[in-house]
Amino acid sequence: MRALVISGLLAGSLLLGFGTTAWSDDKEGNIADLVKDAKVTAEQAIKTAMEKVPGTVVEAELEKKHGKTVWEVEILGADGKVTEVHIDAATGTVIDTEAKKEKHEDKKKKK
C-alpha cells in the first residue's frame, strides 16, 4: 500500500514538528494521485482527529482504503493506548475510530 507518512508531535492542535516522509508500495494508486485527491491537509486532518480523540499524535498517513483516500491519524491517549482516527481526505469528516491492535511480537514481550 502506498502511503505518505508524517510523524510529529502535537501540543493541543498546534503542529510542532514533522519527522520523515516515507513511501511504500500500493497497488491501488500512487502518491501523486493520493495527494491530488486530498482536499484536506495533514494539519487539518490532525486537528480534526485530536478533537475526536484527545492525546498525542504519533503518526499521520495518507492512504487508499476501500477505494477512498483517507488520512489515518494515530493518537496516543493518556491511558497509553493508540487509537486510529480515519479522516476522509476529500471532505475532512471522521469516518471512524479504532483501537490499534498490538503486534504479536509486543504481546510476547509482555508475558
C-alpha atoms as a PDB file:
ATOM      1  CA  MET A   1       0.000   0.000   0.000  1.00  0.00           C
ATOM      2  CA  ARG A   2       1.418   3.413  -0.953  1.00  0.00           C
ATOM      3  CA  ALA A   3       1.194   5.843   1.915  1.00  0.00           C
ATOM      4  CA  LEU A   4       2.527   9.247   2.776  1.00  0.00           C
ATOM      5  CA  VAL A   5       3.635   9.046   6.384  1.00  0.00           C
ATOM      6  CA  ILE A   6       4.090  12.093   8.542  1.00  0.00           C
ATOM      7  CA  SER A   7       5.468  11.702  12.044  1.00  0.00           C
ATOM      8  CA  GLY A   8       5.454  14.532  14.524  1.00  0.00           C
ATOM      9  CA  LEU A   9       4.478  15.824  17.929  1.00  0.00           C
ATOM     10  CA  LEU A  10       1.475  17.953  18.723  1.00  0.00           C
ATOM     11  CA  ALA A  11       0.578  20.150  21.654  1.00  0.00           C
ATOM     12  CA  GLY A  12      -3.101  20.978  21.631  1.00  0.00           C
ATOM     13  CA  SER A  13      -3.859  21.454  17.963  1.00  0.00           C
ATOM     14  CA  LEU A  14      -0.558  23.132  17.055  1.00  0.00           C
ATOM     15  CA  LEU A  15       1.886  21.195  14.952  1.00  0.00           C
ATOM     16  CA  LEU A  16       5.348  21.477  16.460  1.00  0.00           C
ATOM     17  CA  GLY A  17       7.381  19.453  14.005  1.00  0.00           C
ATOM     18  CA  PHE A  18       7.472  16.858  11.290  1.00  0.00           C
ATOM     19  CA  GLY A  19       9.684  13.828  11.077  1.00  0.00           C
ATOM     20  CA  THR A  20      10.235  11.836   7.931  1.00  0.00           C
ATOM     21  CA  THR A  21       8.163  11.108   4.875  1.00  0.00           C
ATOM     22  CA  ALA A  22       8.069   7.503   3.690  1.00  0.00           C
ATOM     23  CA  TRP A  23       6.589   5.706   0.712  1.00  0.00           C
ATOM     24  CA  SER A  24       5.558   2.093   0.424  1.00  0.00           C
ATOM     25  CA  ASP A  25       4.090   0.008  -2.399  1.00  0.00           C
ATOM     26  CA  ASP A  26       0.412   0.419  -3.293  1.00  0.00           C
ATOM     27  CA  LYS A  27      -1.491  -1.426  -5.977  1.00  0.00           C
ATOM     28  CA  GLU A  28      -4.441   0.995  -5.772  1.00  0.00           C
ATOM     29  CA  GLY A  29      -2.634   4.173  -6.828  1.00  0.00           C
ATOM     30  CA  ASN A  30       0.458   6.286  -6.490  1.00  0.00           C
ATOM     31  CA  ILE A  31       1.373   9.018  -4.054  1.00  0.00           C
ATOM     32  CA  ALA A  32       0.717  11.799  -6.580  1.00  0.00           C
ATOM     33  CA  ASP A  33      -2.859  10.562  -7.011  1.00  0.00           C
ATOM     34  CA  LEU A  34      -3.376  10.381  -3.246  1.00  0.00           C
ATOM     35  CA  VAL A  35      -2.136  13.936  -2.766  1.00  0.00           C
ATOM     36  CA  LYS A  36      -4.263  15.160  -5.679  1.00  0.00           C
ATOM     37  CA  ASP A  37      -7.373  13.535  -4.151  1.00  0.00           C
ATOM     38  CA  ALA A  38      -6.715  15.026  -0.704  1.00  0.00           C
ATOM     39  CA  LYS A  39      -8.512  18.341  -0.303  1.00  0.00           C
ATOM     40  CA  VAL A  40      -7.748  18.238   3.436  1.00  0.00           C
ATOM     41  CA  THR A  41      -4.187  18.979   4.602  1.00  0.00           C
ATOM     42  CA  ALA A  42      -2.321  16.884   7.147  1.00  0.00           C
ATOM     43  CA  GLU A  43      -2.646  19.718   9.662  1.00  0.00           C
ATOM     44  CA  GLN A  44      -6.429  19.897   9.175  1.00  0.00           C
ATOM     45  CA  ALA A  45      -6.785  16.116   9.494  1.00  0.00           C
ATOM     46  CA  ILE A  46      -4.668  16.096  12.656  1.00  0.00           C
ATOM     47  CA  LYS A  47      -6.733  18.886  14.214  1.00  0.00           C
ATOM     48  CA  THR A  48      -9.982  17.054  13.434  1.00  0.00           C
ATOM     49  CA  ALA A  49      -8.605  13.769  14.791  1.00  0.00           C
ATOM     50  CA  MET A  50      -7.486  15.418  18.045  1.00  0.00           C
ATOM     51  CA  GLU A  51     -10.944  16.935  18.510  1.00  0.00           C
ATOM     52  CA  LYS A  52     -12.354  13.399  18.287  1.00  0.00           C
ATOM     53  CA  VAL A  53      -9.668  11.644  20.368  1.00  0.00           C
ATOM     54  CA  PRO A  54      -7.536  13.697  22.783  1.00  0.00           C
ATOM     55  CA  GLY A  55      -3.884  12.780  23.200  1.00  0.00           C
ATOM     56  CA  THR A  56      -0.577  12.999  21.355  1.00  0.00           C
ATOM     57  CA  VAL A  57      -0.406  12.377  17.623  1.00  0.00           C
ATOM     58  CA  VAL A  58       2.305   9.872  16.802  1.00  0.00           C
ATOM     59  CA  GLU A  59       1.667   9.402  13.080  1.00  0.00           C
ATOM     60  CA  ALA A  60      -0.462  10.586  10.171  1.00  0.00           C
ATOM     61  CA  GLU A  61      -0.679   8.641   6.906  1.00  0.00           C
ATOM     62  CA  LEU A  62      -2.354   9.464   3.632  1.00  0.00           C
ATOM     63  CA  GLU A  63      -3.523   6.209   2.101  1.00  0.00           C
ATOM     64  CA  LYS A  64      -6.112   4.490  -0.047  1.00  0.00           C
ATOM     65  CA  LYS A  65      -8.644   2.326   1.787  1.00  0.00           C
ATOM     66  CA  HIS A  66     -11.610   0.681   0.078  1.00  0.00           C
ATOM     67  CA  GLY A  67     -11.181   2.933  -2.954  1.00  0.00           C
ATOM     68  CA  LYS A  68     -11.197   6.139  -0.887  1.00  0.00           C
ATOM     69  CA  THR A  69      -8.289   8.449   0.010  1.00  0.00           C
ATOM     70  CA  VAL A  70      -8.121   8.818   3.801  1.00  0.00           C
ATOM     71  CA  TRP A  71      -5.889  10.293   6.463  1.00  0.00           C
ATOM     72  CA  GLU A  72      -5.124   7.717   9.148  1.00  0.00           C
ATOM     73  CA  VAL A  73      -4.063   9.582  12.293  1.00  0.00           C
ATOM     74  CA  GLU A  74      -2.686   7.572  15.226  1.00  0.00           C
ATOM     75  CA  ILE A  75      -3.149   9.168  18.649  1.00  0.00           C
ATOM     76  CA  LEU A  76      -1.595   8.013  21.915  1.00  0.00           C
ATOM     77  CA  GLY A  77      -4.104   8.549  24.715  1.00  0.00           C
ATOM     78  CA  ALA A  78      -3.460   9.236  28.395  1.00  0.00           C
ATOM     79  CA  ASP A  79      -4.281   5.554  29.026  1.00  0.00           C
ATOM     80  CA  GLY A  80      -1.251   4.536  26.948  1.00  0.00           C
ATOM     81  CA  LYS A  81      -3.364   3.069  24.138  1.00  0.00           C
ATOM     82  CA  VAL A  82      -3.142   4.106  20.490  1.00  0.00           C
ATOM     83  CA  THR A  83      -6.319   4.930  18.568  1.00  0.00           C
ATOM     84  CA  GLU A  84      -6.504   5.304  14.797  1.00  0.00           C
ATOM     85  CA  VAL A  85      -8.795   8.047  13.539  1.00  0.00           C
ATOM     86  CA  HIS A  86      -9.722   7.787   9.859  1.00  0.00           C
ATOM     87  CA  ILE A  87     -10.483  11.117   8.183  1.00  0.00           C
ATOM     88  CA  ASP A  88     -11.993  11.405   4.692  1.00  0.00           C
ATOM     89  CA  ALA A  89      -9.247  13.264   2.799  1.00  0.00           C
ATOM     90  CA  ALA A  90     -11.773  14.850   0.427  1.00  0.00           C
ATOM     91  CA  THR A  91     -14.297  16.158   2.978  1.00  0.00           C
ATOM     92  CA  GLY A  92     -12.446  16.260   6.302  1.00  0.00           C
ATOM     93  CA  THR A  93     -15.118  14.244   8.119  1.00  0.00           C
ATOM     94  CA  VAL A  94     -14.299  11.493  10.598  1.00  0.00           C
ATOM     95  CA  ILE A  95     -15.041   8.117   9.019  1.00  0.00           C
ATOM     96  CA  ASP A  96     -14.378   6.034  12.132  1.00  0.00           C
ATOM     97  CA  THR A  97     -12.033   5.362  15.029  1.00  0.00           C
ATOM     98  CA  GLU A  98     -10.494   2.085  16.111  1.00  0.00           C
ATOM     99  CA  ALA A  99      -8.144   0.891  18.794  1.00  0.00           C
ATOM    100  CA  LYS A 100      -4.812  -0.056  17.260  1.00  0.00           C
ATOM    101  CA  LYS A 101      -4.048  -3.694  17.901  1.00  0.00           C
ATOM    102  CA  GLU A 102      -0.749  -4.678  19.455  1.00  0.00           C
ATOM    103  CA  LYS A 103       1.666  -6.537  17.234  1.00  0.00           C
ATOM    104  CA  HIS A 104       2.162 -10.204  18.025  1.00  0.00           C
ATOM    105  CA  GLU A 105       5.809  -9.547  18.989  1.00  0.00           C
ATOM    106  CA  ASP A 106       4.787  -6.929  21.547  1.00  0.00           C
ATOM    107  CA  LYS A 107       2.433  -9.390  23.253  1.00  0.00           C
ATOM    108  CA  LYS A 108       5.255 -11.943  23.599  1.00  0.00           C
ATOM    109  CA  LYS A 109       7.491  -9.384  25.314  1.00  0.00           C
ATOM    110  CA  LYS A 110       4.813  -8.589  27.911  1.00  0.00           C
ATOM    111  CA  LYS A 111       4.439 -12.214  29.028  1.00  0.00           C
END
